[in-house]
C-alpha atoms as a PDB file:
ATOM      1  CA  MET A   1      99.869  87.060  75.779  1.00  0.00           C
ATOM      2  CA  THR A   2      98.187  83.972  77.208  1.00  0.00           C
ATOM      3  CA  THR A   3      95.682  83.917  80.177  1.00  0.00           C
ATOM      4  CA  GLY A   4      98.175  82.380  82.424  1.00  0.00           C
ATOM      5  CA  ARG A   5     100.839  84.931  81.615  1.00  0.00           C
ATOM      6  CA  ARG A   6      98.343  87.774  82.189  1.00  0.00           C
ATOM      7  CA  SER A   7      97.331  86.177  85.418  1.00  0.00           C
ATOM      8  CA  SER A   8     100.874  85.864  86.406  1.00  0.00           C
ATOM      9  CA  ARG A   9     101.600  89.591  85.628  1.00  0.00           C
ATOM     10  CA  LEU A  10      98.585  90.689  87.523  1.00  0.00           C
ATOM     11  CA  GLY A  11      99.760  88.674  90.613  1.00  0.00           C
ATOM     12  CA  LEU A  12     103.046  90.390  90.467  1.00  0.00           C
ATOM     13  CA  LEU A  13     101.315  93.792  90.272  1.00  0.00           C
ATOM     14  CA  GLN A  14      99.246  92.977  93.280  1.00  0.00           C
ATOM     15  CA  VAL A  15     102.434  92.162  95.268  1.00  0.00           C
ATOM     16  CA  CYS A  16     104.079  95.443  93.964  1.00  0.00           C
ATOM     17  CA  ALA A  17     100.985  97.340  95.262  1.00  0.00           C
ATOM     18  CA  ALA A  18     101.294  95.771  98.654  1.00  0.00           C
ATOM     19  CA  GLY A  19     105.018  96.873  98.823  1.00  0.00           C
ATOM     20  CA  VAL A  20     104.027 100.412  97.840  1.00  0.00           C
ATOM     21  CA  LEU A  21     101.307 100.564 100.663  1.00  0.00           C
ATOM     22  CA  TRP A  22     103.810  99.215 103.118  1.00  0.00           C
ATOM     23  CA  GLY A  23     106.316 102.007 102.238  1.00  0.00           C
ATOM     24  CA  THR A  24     103.688 104.668 103.301  1.00  0.00           C
ATOM     25  CA  GLY A  25     103.352 103.012 106.762  1.00  0.00           C
ATOM     26  CA  GLY A  26     106.727 104.286 108.147  1.00  0.00           C
ATOM     27  CA  LEU A  27     105.824 107.852 107.835  1.00  0.00           C
ATOM     28  CA  ALA A  28     102.428 107.284 109.464  1.00  0.00           C
ATOM     29  CA  VAL A  29     104.210 105.448 112.350  1.00  0.00           C
ATOM     30  CA  THR A  30     106.690 108.321 112.589  1.00  0.00           C
ATOM     31  CA  VAL A  31     104.057 110.930 112.679  1.00  0.00           C
ATOM     32  CA  LEU A  32     102.115 109.079 115.542  1.00  0.00           C
ATOM     33  CA  HIS A  33     105.191 108.753 117.582  1.00  0.00           C
ATOM     34  CA  GLN A  34     106.201 112.514 117.289  1.00  0.00           C
ATOM     35  CA  ARG A  35     102.556 113.658 117.740  1.00  0.00           C
ATOM     36  CA  ASP A  36     101.209 111.391 120.336  1.00  0.00           C
ATOM     37  CA  GLY A  37     104.157 109.491 121.742  1.00  0.00           C
ATOM     38  CA  LEU A  38     102.889 106.119 120.571  1.00  0.00           C
ATOM     39  CA  GLY A  39     105.509 103.474 120.722  1.00  0.00           C
ATOM     40  CA  ALA A  40     106.142 101.301 117.620  1.00  0.00           C
ATOM     41  CA  MET A  41     104.813  98.188 119.153  1.00  0.00           C
ATOM     42  CA  THR A  42     101.660  99.907 120.361  1.00  0.00           C
ATOM     43  CA  VAL A  43     101.127 101.198 116.830  1.00  0.00           C
ATOM     44  CA  SER A  44     101.722  97.803 115.378  1.00  0.00           C
ATOM     45  CA  ALA A  45      99.151  96.170 117.782  1.00  0.00           C
ATOM     46  CA  TRP A  46      96.505  98.787 116.683  1.00  0.00           C
ATOM     47  CA  ARG A  47      97.364  98.250 113.190  1.00  0.00           C
ATOM     48  CA  MET A  48      96.628  94.463 113.293  1.00  0.00           C
ATOM     49  CA  LEU A  49      93.607  94.807 115.506  1.00  0.00           C
ATOM     50  CA  LEU A  50      91.945  97.467 113.240  1.00  0.00           C
ATOM     51  CA  ALA A  51      92.828  95.439 110.160  1.00  0.00           C
ATOM     52  CA  ALA A  52      91.347  92.092 111.744  1.00  0.00           C
ATOM     53  CA  ILE A  53      88.143  94.105 112.741  1.00  0.00           C
ATOM     54  CA  THR A  54      87.918  95.465 109.187  1.00  0.00           C
ATOM     55  CA  LEU A  55      88.510  92.160 107.426  1.00  0.00           C
ATOM     56  CA  VAL A  56      85.909  90.439 109.806  1.00  0.00           C
ATOM     57  CA  GLY A  57      83.443  93.103 109.068  1.00  0.00           C
ATOM     58  CA  PHE A  58      84.115  92.771 105.326  1.00  0.00           C
ATOM     59  CA  ALA A  59      83.819  89.057 105.349  1.00  0.00           C
ATOM     60  CA  VAL A  60      80.475  89.172 107.021  1.00  0.00           C
ATOM     61  CA  VAL A  61      79.120  91.871 104.492  1.00  0.00           C
ATOM     62  CA  ALA A  62      80.480  90.202 101.557  1.00  0.00           C
ATOM     63  CA  ARG A  63      79.203  86.741 102.815  1.00  0.00           C
ATOM     64  CA  ARG A  64      82.566  85.309 103.097  1.00  0.00           C
ATOM     65  CA  SER A  65      82.214  84.162 106.679  1.00  0.00           C
ATOM     66  CA  LYS A  66      81.834  80.500 105.455  1.00  0.00           C
ATOM     67  CA  ALA A  67      85.126  80.717 103.621  1.00  0.00           C
ATOM     68  CA  VAL A  68      86.933  82.227 106.625  1.00  0.00           C
ATOM     69  CA  LEU A  69      85.544  79.266 108.920  1.00  0.00           C
ATOM     70  CA  THR A  70      86.585  76.785 106.236  1.00  0.00           C
ATOM     71  CA  MET A  71      89.993  78.253 106.059  1.00  0.00           C
ATOM     72  CA  MET A  72      90.508  77.919 109.850  1.00  0.00           C
ATOM     73  CA  ARG A  73      89.210  74.290 109.870  1.00  0.00           C
ATOM     74  CA  ALA A  74      91.225  73.250 106.806  1.00  0.00           C
ATOM     75  CA  HIS A  75      94.527  74.853 107.751  1.00  0.00           C
ATOM     76  CA  PRO A  76      94.472  75.736 111.400  1.00  0.00           C
ATOM     77  CA  VAL A  77      98.085  75.458 112.314  1.00  0.00           C
ATOM     78  CA  ARG A  78      99.639  76.967 108.919  1.00  0.00           C
ATOM     79  CA  THR A  79      97.206  79.851 109.285  1.00  0.00           C
ATOM     80  CA  VAL A  80      97.948  80.641 112.841  1.00  0.00           C
ATOM     81  CA  VAL A  81     101.929  80.154 112.205  1.00  0.00           C
ATOM     82  CA  VAL A  82     101.584  82.657 109.241  1.00  0.00           C
ATOM     83  CA  GLY A  83      99.573  85.167 111.374  1.00  0.00           C
ATOM     84  CA  CYS A  84     101.976  84.911 114.390  1.00  0.00           C
ATOM     85  CA  GLY A  85     104.936  85.119 112.029  1.00  0.00           C
ATOM     86  CA  THR A  86     103.643  88.187 110.538  1.00  0.00           C
ATOM     87  CA  ALA A  87     103.329  89.889 113.908  1.00  0.00           C
ATOM     88  CA  ALA A  88     106.704  88.595 114.954  1.00  0.00           C
ATOM     89  CA  TYR A  89     108.476  89.940 111.888  1.00  0.00           C
ATOM     90  CA  GLN A  90     107.029  93.484 112.741  1.00  0.00           C
ATOM     91  CA  GLY A  91     108.033  93.350 116.236  1.00  0.00           C
ATOM     92  CA  LEU A  92     111.576  91.991 115.689  1.00  0.00           C
ATOM     93  CA  TYR A  93     112.119  94.580 112.802  1.00  0.00           C
ATOM     94  CA  PHE A  94     111.061  97.475 115.007  1.00  0.00           C
ATOM     95  CA  VAL A  95     113.361  96.370 117.958  1.00  0.00           C
ATOM     96  CA  SER A  96     116.278  95.843 115.645  1.00  0.00           C
ATOM     97  CA  VAL A  97     115.660  99.431 114.271  1.00  0.00           C
ATOM     98  CA  LEU A  98     116.127 100.755 117.747  1.00  0.00           C
ATOM     99  CA  LEU A  99     119.391  98.868 118.374  1.00  0.00           C
ATOM    100  CA  VAL A 100     121.170  99.151 115.017  1.00  0.00           C
ATOM    101  CA  GLY A 101     119.346 101.903 113.189  1.00  0.00           C
ATOM    102  CA  VAL A 102     116.930 101.998 110.195  1.00  0.00           C
ATOM    103  CA  SER A 103     119.316 101.461 107.308  1.00  0.00           C
ATOM    104  CA  VAL A 104     121.022  98.382 108.792  1.00  0.00           C
ATOM    105  CA  ALA A 105     117.954  96.721 109.876  1.00  0.00           C
ATOM    106  CA  THR A 106     116.281  97.375 106.579  1.00  0.00           C
ATOM    107  CA  VAL A 107     119.195  96.011 104.442  1.00  0.00           C
ATOM    108  CA  ILE A 108     119.471  92.912 106.627  1.00  0.00           C
ATOM    109  CA  SER A 109     115.707  92.036 107.140  1.00  0.00           C
ATOM    110  CA  LEU A 110     114.443  92.865 103.663  1.00  0.00           C
ATOM    111  CA  GLY A 111     117.686  91.839 101.834  1.00  0.00           C
ATOM    112  CA  LEU A 112     117.966  88.443 103.519  1.00  0.00           C
ATOM    113  CA  ALA A 113     114.296  87.408 102.689  1.00  0.00           C
ATOM    114  CA  PRO A 114     114.489  87.111  98.979  1.00  0.00           C
ATOM    115  CA  ILE A 115     117.932  85.262  99.449  1.00  0.00           C
ATOM    116  CA  LEU A 116     116.320  82.670 101.797  1.00  0.00           C
ATOM    117  CA  ALA A 117     113.173  82.322  99.973  1.00  0.00           C
ATOM    118  CA  ALA A 118     115.052  81.721  96.620  1.00  0.00           C
ATOM    119  CA  ILE A 119     117.467  79.116  98.394  1.00  0.00           C
ATOM    120  CA  TRP A 120     114.382  77.242  99.796  1.00  0.00           C
ATOM    121  CA  GLU A 121     112.527  77.076  96.601  1.00  0.00           C
ATOM    122  CA  HIS A 122     115.426  75.885  94.507  1.00  0.00           C
ATOM    123  CA  LEU A 123     116.353  73.298  97.182  1.00  0.00           C
ATOM    124  CA  ARG A 124     112.741  71.952  97.129  1.00  0.00           C
ATOM    125  CA  ALA A 125     112.560  71.983  93.377  1.00  0.00           C
ATOM    126  CA  ARG A 126     116.070  70.658  93.059  1.00  0.00           C
ATOM    127  CA  THR A 127     117.008  73.354  90.436  1.00  0.00           C
ATOM    128  CA  GLN A 128     119.689  75.991  90.239  1.00  0.00           C
ATOM    129  CA  PRO A 129     118.983  79.650  89.647  1.00  0.00           C
ATOM    130  CA  SER A 130     119.421  80.969  86.274  1.00  0.00           C
ATOM    131  CA  PRO A 131     121.870  83.741  85.255  1.00  0.00           C
ATOM    132  CA  ARG A 132     118.710  85.988  84.793  1.00  0.00           C
ATOM    133  CA  GLN A 133     117.373  85.168  88.295  1.00  0.00           C
ATOM    134  CA  ALA A 134     120.714  85.650  89.875  1.00  0.00           C
ATOM    135  CA  GLY A 135     121.187  89.015  88.045  1.00  0.00           C
ATOM    136  CA  VAL A 136     117.514  90.107  89.141  1.00  0.00           C
ATOM    137  CA  LEU A 137     118.341  89.364  92.849  1.00  0.00           C
ATOM    138  CA  LEU A 138     121.791  91.009  92.719  1.00  0.00           C
ATOM    139  CA  ALA A 139     120.385  94.252  91.158  1.00  0.00           C
ATOM    140  CA  ALA A 140     117.507  94.275  93.819  1.00  0.00           C
ATOM    141  CA  LEU A 141     119.855  93.774  96.823  1.00  0.00           C
ATOM    142  CA  THR A 142     122.327  96.440  95.404  1.00  0.00           C
ATOM    143  CA  GLY A 143     119.385  98.905  95.008  1.00  0.00           C
ATOM    144  CA  LEU A 144     118.166  98.116  98.436  1.00  0.00           C
ATOM    145  CA  VAL A 145     121.619  98.843  99.925  1.00  0.00           C
ATOM    146  CA  LEU A 146     121.916 102.133  98.151  1.00  0.00           C
ATOM    147  CA  ILE A 147     118.417 103.388  98.921  1.00  0.00           C
ATOM    148  CA  SER A 148     118.447 102.304 102.551  1.00  0.00           C
ATOM    149  CA  VAL A 149     121.843 103.827 103.468  1.00  0.00           C
ATOM    150  CA  THR A 150     121.451 107.067 101.510  1.00  0.00           C
ATOM    151  CA  ALA A 151     117.828 108.119 101.099  1.00  0.00           C
ATOM    152  CA  GLY A 152     117.318 109.692 104.620  1.00  0.00           C
ATOM    153  CA  HIS A 153     117.264 106.270 106.418  1.00  0.00           C
ATOM    154  CA  GLY A 154     120.639 106.690 107.911  1.00  0.00           C
ATOM    155  CA  SER A 155     119.488 109.061 110.654  1.00  0.00           C
ATOM    156  CA  ALA A 156     118.468 106.477 113.196  1.00  0.00           C
ATOM    157  CA  ALA A 157     121.773 105.735 115.063  1.00  0.00           C
ATOM    158  CA  PRO A 158     122.222 102.573 117.039  1.00  0.00           C
ATOM    159  CA  VAL A 159     121.485 103.158 120.727  1.00  0.00           C
ATOM    160  CA  ASN A 160     121.881  99.870 122.602  1.00  0.00           C
ATOM    161  CA  SER A 161     123.521  96.575 121.767  1.00  0.00           C
ATOM    162  CA  PRO A 162     124.404  96.301 118.075  1.00  0.00           C
ATOM    163  CA  TYR A 163     125.002  92.515 118.099  1.00  0.00           C
ATOM    164  CA  LEU A 164     121.553  91.910 119.511  1.00  0.00           C
ATOM    165  CA  GLY A 165     120.111  94.291 116.847  1.00  0.00           C
ATOM    166  CA  LEU A 166     121.841  92.515 114.115  1.00  0.00           C
ATOM    167  CA  LEU A 167     120.609  89.065 115.419  1.00  0.00           C
ATOM    168  CA  LEU A 168     116.990  90.345 115.592  1.00  0.00           C
ATOM    169  CA  ALA A 169     117.307  91.775 111.850  1.00  0.00           C
ATOM    170  CA  VAL A 170     118.334  88.242 110.794  1.00  0.00           C
ATOM    171  CA  ALA A 171     115.542  86.757 112.611  1.00  0.00           C
ATOM    172  CA  ALA A 172     113.073  89.226 111.257  1.00  0.00           C
ATOM    173  CA  GLY A 173     114.412  88.579 107.658  1.00  0.00           C
ATOM    174  CA  THR A 174     114.117  84.770 108.125  1.00  0.00           C
ATOM    175  CA  ILE A 175     110.540  85.051 109.456  1.00  0.00           C
ATOM    176  CA  TYR A 176     109.589  87.311 106.729  1.00  0.00           C
ATOM    177  CA  ALA A 177     110.776  84.750 104.057  1.00  0.00           C
ATOM    178  CA  ALA A 178     109.181  81.754 105.930  1.00  0.00           C
ATOM    179  CA  THR A 179     105.844  83.477 106.379  1.00  0.00           C
ATOM    180  CA  THR A 180     105.880  84.487 102.632  1.00  0.00           C
ATOM    181  CA  VAL A 181     106.805  81.002 101.498  1.00  0.00           C
ATOM    182  CA  LEU A 182     104.050  79.494 103.896  1.00  0.00           C
ATOM    183  CA  GLY A 183     101.612  82.188 102.638  1.00  0.00           C
ATOM    184  CA  HIS A 184     102.392  81.164  99.115  1.00  0.00           C
ATOM    185  CA  THR A 185     101.363  77.528  99.755  1.00  0.00           C
ATOM    186  CA  LEU A 186      98.227  78.553 101.545  1.00  0.00           C
ATOM    187  CA  ALA A 187      97.219  81.147  98.812  1.00  0.00           C
ATOM    188  CA  GLN A 188      97.092  78.254  96.367  1.00  0.00           C
ATOM    189  CA  ARG A 189      94.355  76.664  98.356  1.00  0.00           C
ATOM    190  CA  ALA A 190      92.362  79.400  99.993  1.00  0.00           C
ATOM    191  CA  ASP A 191      90.410  82.630  99.285  1.00  0.00           C
ATOM    192  CA  PRO A 192      92.728  85.666  99.638  1.00  0.00           C
ATOM    193  CA  VAL A 193      89.987  87.291 101.862  1.00  0.00           C
ATOM    194  CA  ALA A 194      89.624  84.307 104.178  1.00  0.00           C
ATOM    195  CA  LEU A 195      93.478  83.861 104.308  1.00  0.00           C
ATOM    196  CA  THR A 196      94.061  87.539 104.984  1.00  0.00           C
ATOM    197  CA  THR A 197      91.223  87.573 107.622  1.00  0.00           C
ATOM    198  CA  CYS A 198      92.537  84.612 109.551  1.00  0.00           C
ATOM    199  CA  THR A 199      96.199  85.387 109.632  1.00  0.00           C
ATOM    200  CA  THR A 200      95.604  89.073 110.570  1.00  0.00           C
ATOM    201  CA  ALA A 201      93.358  87.957 113.389  1.00  0.00           C
ATOM    202  CA  ALA A 202      96.114  85.617 114.700  1.00  0.00           C
ATOM    203  CA  GLY A 203      98.566  88.304 114.445  1.00  0.00           C
ATOM    204  CA  ALA A 204      96.242  90.614 116.353  1.00  0.00           C
ATOM    205  CA  VAL A 205      95.950  88.187 119.257  1.00  0.00           C
ATOM    206  CA  THR A 206      99.739  87.920 119.276  1.00  0.00           C
ATOM    207  CA  LEU A 207     100.308  91.695 119.528  1.00  0.00           C
ATOM    208  CA  ALA A 208      97.334  92.325 121.953  1.00  0.00           C
ATOM    209  CA  PRO A 209      99.495  92.137 125.062  1.00  0.00           C
ATOM    210  CA  PHE A 210     101.456  95.273 124.013  1.00  0.00           C
ATOM    211  CA  LEU A 211      98.366  97.110 124.305  1.00  0.00           C
ATOM    212  CA  VAL A 212      97.779  95.802 127.736  1.00  0.00           C
ATOM    213  CA  ALA A 213     101.407  96.586 128.640  1.00  0.00           C
ATOM    214  CA  ALA A 214     101.156 100.107 127.373  1.00  0.00           C
ATOM    215  CA  THR A 215      98.133 100.508 129.641  1.00  0.00           C
ATOM    216  CA  ILE A 216      99.752  99.119 132.677  1.00  0.00           C
ATOM    217  CA  SER A 217     102.879 101.313 132.395  1.00  0.00           C
ATOM    218  CA  ASN A 218     100.961 104.335 131.741  1.00  0.00           C
ATOM    219  CA  GLN A 219     102.448 104.754 128.177  1.00  0.00           C
ATOM    220  CA  PRO A 220     100.363 106.569 125.438  1.00  0.00           C
ATOM    221  CA  LEU A 221      97.734 104.017 124.303  1.00  0.00           C
ATOM    222  CA  ILE A 222      96.114 105.750 121.447  1.00  0.00           C
ATOM    223  CA  GLY A 223      95.995 109.220 119.732  1.00  0.00           C
ATOM    224  CA  THR A 224      93.139 111.517 120.580  1.00  0.00           C
ATOM    225  CA  SER A 225      93.038 113.997 117.661  1.00  0.00           C
ATOM    226  CA  PRO A 226      90.997 113.061 114.587  1.00  0.00           C
ATOM    227  CA  ALA A 227      94.227 113.328 112.514  1.00  0.00           C
ATOM    228  CA  SER A 228      95.828 110.682 114.768  1.00  0.00           C
ATOM    229  CA  LEU A 229      92.833 108.438 114.676  1.00  0.00           C
ATOM    230  CA  ALA A 230      92.782 108.779 110.816  1.00  0.00           C
ATOM    231  CA  LEU A 231      96.276 107.732 110.662  1.00  0.00           C
ATOM    232  CA  LEU A 232      95.712 104.657 112.859  1.00  0.00           C
ATOM    233  CA  ALA A 233      92.695 103.635 110.655  1.00  0.00           C
ATOM    234  CA  TYR A 234      94.783 104.082 107.409  1.00  0.00           C
ATOM    235  CA  LEU A 235      97.558 101.899 108.981  1.00  0.00           C
ATOM    236  CA  GLY A 236      95.096  99.194 109.761  1.00  0.00           C
ATOM    237  CA  ILE A 237      92.965  99.336 106.559  1.00  0.00           C
ATOM    238  CA  ALA A 238      95.494 100.298 103.906  1.00  0.00           C
ATOM    239  CA  THR A 239      98.895  99.104 105.033  1.00  0.00           C
ATOM    240  CA  MET A 240      97.610  95.833 106.641  1.00  0.00           C
ATOM    241  CA  ALA A 241      94.210  94.630 105.580  1.00  0.00           C
ATOM    242  CA  LEU A 242      94.405  95.898 101.930  1.00  0.00           C
ATOM    243  CA  ALA A 243      98.186  95.384 101.497  1.00  0.00           C
ATOM    244  CA  TYR A 244      98.079  91.784 102.800  1.00  0.00           C
ATOM    245  CA  GLY A 245      95.039  90.996 100.933  1.00  0.00           C
ATOM    246  CA  LEU A 246      96.860  92.070  97.715  1.00  0.00           C
ATOM    247  CA  LEU A 247     100.063  90.082  98.815  1.00  0.00           C
ATOM    248  CA  TYR A 248      97.962  86.821  99.275  1.00  0.00           C
ATOM    249  CA  ALA A 249      96.039  87.317  96.013  1.00  0.00           C
ATOM    250  CA  GLY A 250      99.355  87.902  94.180  1.00  0.00           C
ATOM    251  CA  LEU A 251     100.976  84.878  95.667  1.00  0.00           C
ATOM    252  CA  ARG A 252      98.327  82.665  94.055  1.00  0.00           C
ATOM    253  CA  THR A 253     100.399  83.149  90.736  1.00  0.00           C
ATOM    254  CA  THR A 254     103.678  84.486  92.011  1.00  0.00           C
ATOM    255  CA  SER A 255     106.419  82.576  93.877  1.00  0.00           C
ATOM    256  CA  GLY A 256     107.653  83.368  97.317  1.00  0.00           C
ATOM    257  CA  SER A 257     111.072  84.511  96.018  1.00  0.00           C
ATOM    258  CA  ALA A 258     109.608  86.711  93.384  1.00  0.00           C
ATOM    259  CA  ALA A 259     107.271  88.345  95.829  1.00  0.00           C
ATOM    260  CA  THR A 260     110.012  89.106  98.264  1.00  0.00           C
ATOM    261  CA  VAL A 261     111.978  90.966  95.453  1.00  0.00           C
ATOM    262  CA  ALA A 262     108.755  92.737  94.451  1.00  0.00           C
ATOM    263  CA  THR A 263     107.968  93.974  97.912  1.00  0.00           C
ATOM    264  CA  LEU A 264     111.446  95.742  98.009  1.00  0.00           C
ATOM    265  CA  LEU A 265     109.243  98.445  96.452  1.00  0.00           C
ATOM    266  CA  GLU A 266     108.647  99.329 100.047  1.00  0.00           C
ATOM    267  CA  PRO A 267     111.767 101.382 100.620  1.00  0.00           C
ATOM    268  CA  VAL A 268     111.490 102.988  97.193  1.00  0.00           C
ATOM    269  CA  SER A 269     107.955 104.195  97.943  1.00  0.00           C
ATOM    270  CA  ALA A 270     109.030 105.387 101.449  1.00  0.00           C
ATOM    271  CA  ALA A 271     111.995 107.373 100.051  1.00  0.00           C
ATOM    272  CA  LEU A 272     109.687 109.037  97.517  1.00  0.00           C
ATOM    273  CA  LEU A 273     107.043 109.859 100.001  1.00  0.00           C
ATOM    274  CA  ALA A 274     109.722 111.454 102.390  1.00  0.00           C
ATOM    275  CA  ALA A 275     110.937 113.555  99.503  1.00  0.00           C
ATOM    276  CA  ALA A 276     107.454 114.659  98.372  1.00  0.00           C
ATOM    277  CA  LEU A 277     105.973 115.332 101.838  1.00  0.00           C
ATOM    278  CA  LEU A 278     109.048 116.019 104.092  1.00  0.00           C
ATOM    279  CA  GLY A 279     111.192 117.822 101.553  1.00  0.00           C
ATOM    280  CA  GLU A 280     114.073 115.172 102.113  1.00  0.00           C
ATOM    281  CA  ARG A 281     116.630 115.434  99.352  1.00  0.00           C
ATOM    282  CA  LEU A 282     117.308 112.262  97.334  1.00  0.00           C
ATOM    283  CA  PRO A 283     121.171 111.826  96.791  1.00  0.00           C
ATOM    284  CA  TRP A 284     122.104 110.182  93.492  1.00  0.00           C
ATOM    285  CA  PRO A 285     122.992 106.815  95.144  1.00  0.00           C
ATOM    286  CA  ALA A 286     119.407 106.586  96.310  1.00  0.00           C
ATOM    287  CA  ILE A 287     118.008 107.405  92.917  1.00  0.00           C
ATOM    288  CA  LEU A 288     120.327 104.712  91.291  1.00  0.00           C
ATOM    289  CA  GLY A 289     119.166 102.248  94.035  1.00  0.00           C
ATOM    290  CA  GLY A 290     115.532 103.064  93.317  1.00  0.00           C
ATOM    291  CA  ALA A 291     116.110 102.557  89.479  1.00  0.00           C
ATOM    292  CA  LEU A 292     117.927  99.184  90.304  1.00  0.00           C
ATOM    293  CA  ILE A 293     114.955  97.872  92.462  1.00  0.00           C
ATOM    294  CA  LEU A 294     112.541  99.040  89.670  1.00  0.00           C
ATOM    295  CA  ALA A 295     114.521  97.411  86.909  1.00  0.00           C
ATOM    296  CA  ALA A 296     114.664  94.173  88.966  1.00  0.00           C
ATOM    297  CA  VAL A 297     111.028  94.113  89.589  1.00  0.00           C
ATOM    298  CA  ALA A 298     110.349  94.767  85.952  1.00  0.00           C
ATOM    299  CA  ALA A 299     112.502  91.985  84.881  1.00  0.00           C
ATOM    300  CA  LEU A 300     110.865  89.396  87.279  1.00  0.00           C
ATOM    301  CA  ARG A 301     109.125  86.524  85.420  1.00  0.00           C
ATOM    302  CA  PRO A 302     106.990  84.798  88.074  1.00  0.00           C
ATOM    303  CA  THR A 303     106.149  81.765  85.722  1.00  0.00           C
ATOM    304  CA  GLU A 304     109.870  81.055  85.427  1.00  0.00           C
ATOM    305  CA  GLU A 305     110.322  80.682  89.109  1.00  0.00           C
ATOM    306  CA  PRO A 306     110.571  77.105  90.509  1.00  0.00           C
ATOM    307  CA  PRO A 307     107.201  75.901  91.764  1.00  0.00           C
ATOM    308  CA  LEU A 308     106.598  75.338  95.563  1.00  0.00           C
ATOM    309  CA  GLN A 309     105.532  71.671  96.281  1.00  0.00           C
ATOM    310  CA  SER A 310     103.081  71.406  99.097  1.00  0.00           C
END
């Protein structure tokens, strides 16, 4: 195996690891909501703020501060756009969950992203997807539908406007695809730690008003028990700082379309975690869906994807 191929596979594994970490976040958010009454947007704001603080501290200790400043000076607009887009994706996704339910929001937002990313990359490269690439995408999306609808994700029923919820889910998927593609272009030029630090800081600023809103409206702002604080720290450090660091490191050798397929491991890990810790039963369609996603990820060949042009 050549050095380039090993590097490509390592990048894909890093993106997969990010997806697995994101899959653990849903359970943590649910526990915080049930135990302390924290809203999804309040938790998201804390998640990005704690991640930004962690990354800035790491950059200082690891003497990466200069790389962070260089990143912001060299690509200020794209960096802020990716950071704000990451925050917007989270917000739109959580709101769509409240309006149309978890299963529909997940299928639309996560399912739309790899399709849009692949279309964009092939249009820019003026190529057509190979039968293998089409098969990988079809298997991944079929698996996503099966696992999202059957693996305990269908309990959250729509409560308000289904049409608005669908629109927000489409917007979330579109932004997710766009930020991944833009993150790919930035990852080719920047240190992953610097890129993650800058984008996360921008996202934290974007979501900070939700903390202010929670304070003004006398909504629960933060958990008081050590367990709740530990969960918030885990969300910020593991599912945000570490996960996005892995994503941007992986995007150095993995295309945006391949990355959006690899991160479909998120619902797989979430379903397995719910089965292990909450005792949720996995019906056979969910198991089949998980197997299809795993097979699709295993079949990915990042070096065969059309390259993005800057």
